[in-house]
Amino acid sequence: MTTSTPSLPHHPIAVVGGGPGGLTLARVLHVHGIEAAVLELDVSGAARTQGGMLDIHDDSGQVALRAARLYEEFRARVHPGGEAVRVLGQDGAVRLEQSDDGTGGRPEIDRGELRDLLLDSLPEGTVRWGVKVTGARPLGDGRHEVALADGSAFTTDLLVGADGAWSRIRPLLSPERPAYTGVSFVEASLPDADARHPESARVVGGGMLFALAAGRGFLGHRESDGSLHVYAAVEAPEDWLDGIDFTDTEAAKAAVLKEFDDWDESLKALVADADGALVPRRIHALPVGHRWDRVPGVTLLGDAAHLMSPFAGEGANLALLDGAELGLALAAHPGDSEAALAVYEEKLFPRSEVSAAMSLQSGATLFRADTPQGLIDLFTGQDG
């Protein structure tokens, strides 16, 4: 007598990754009456902080939020004044200052606020928390089996990799892996800045700060809770951060600030006076123009599809737009996911190539020999 193998759990649509792109996809599908399961490594929506501010662009991220029917709620959460910009030289002198008059096309929102907005818009149980995907394999006819870290697995008719830079789903479509861009960040935070760090609060201003010299700089912004989020950026070999002991915060500060020896003290204080541990981050990117041949039953969105440097502010916006456009394509082709994926990828590839090239060029502009002039030209419309 033979016994049958128990069938695996099945999700018609499985989205791996609960970041902005994956959640936007799930929301747009929900708006159109389509269920999806979102598999997320975090154990809850409050498991970790989500980082700093995002500027949501009127031609991408805002388009996505309109498709998700969340635009008005987004506007209610925007950080007033967040589009203000200050550009400084390494001597601390202000080279450009622009205020936020509320008419710009890139309003700022806290990353955590945006994620909460998306999470709150989804039915209970859409996100499966604490699920670590380790890989996937095709079963034929566009179906896939997805393996989990706890030894279990599930099957799906449509698999979407929204799982970021080191995607476990990307290998089904592409052999490419992110490469180091030549720039490393060290992240610092100064909470309650107006009261505790008034000089740094003055330096950063009400929105974004760019303090630049050839090959390095301080990039910062004021968050909606009054804290300052700062990145010390350095063009450096990939192993530079390995030589810094980040378990000893004061020693780490000293090592980072060695790269800024001749900078104004008011700028060095952005790291020297930071509260809590510093966080090292190497900046990686996929090749400009990354794409793949159509593979039945699987696609990618966001950083999994087109990881790029952060220097044009495009990554999160593209993830939102990817999620929305994939959701709309699936809703427009009921029962024919292959047609939907073909439509989605036809737009995805050229759009992300343009943005990745822009990000690469923006990074070169920020750290070139005559910086910050290139950035000033960009903000004042003098860049041709």
Foldseek 3Di string as FASTA:
>chain_A
DDDDDDAAAEWQAEEEALALLSLLLQLLLVVLVHAYAYEHQAQDLVRDADDFKAFAAQVFQLVLCVSSVCNVVVVVQFQPFAPWEWEAELQLDTPDTDTCPPPDGTTMGTRSVSSVSSVVSHDPRRYDYNWAWQAWDDPPPQKIWTATPVGGIYIYNAYEFAPAQQTRYLVVWDPWHWDFPQKKKKKFKFAQCVVPPVLLCVSQDAHWYWYAAAFWTKTWTAHNRRMIIIITMGRHPPCLCVVFDQVPQQSNLVSSCVVSVPGHPSRSCRRNVTPDTIDMGGQIWTDQLQDGPDDRRYDYFANSRTRAGCLVSCRSSRSSRLSSQLSVLCSVDPPCSSSSVVVSRVVSRVVSNVVRVVRSVSVCQRNPRPPPVSVVCVVVVNND
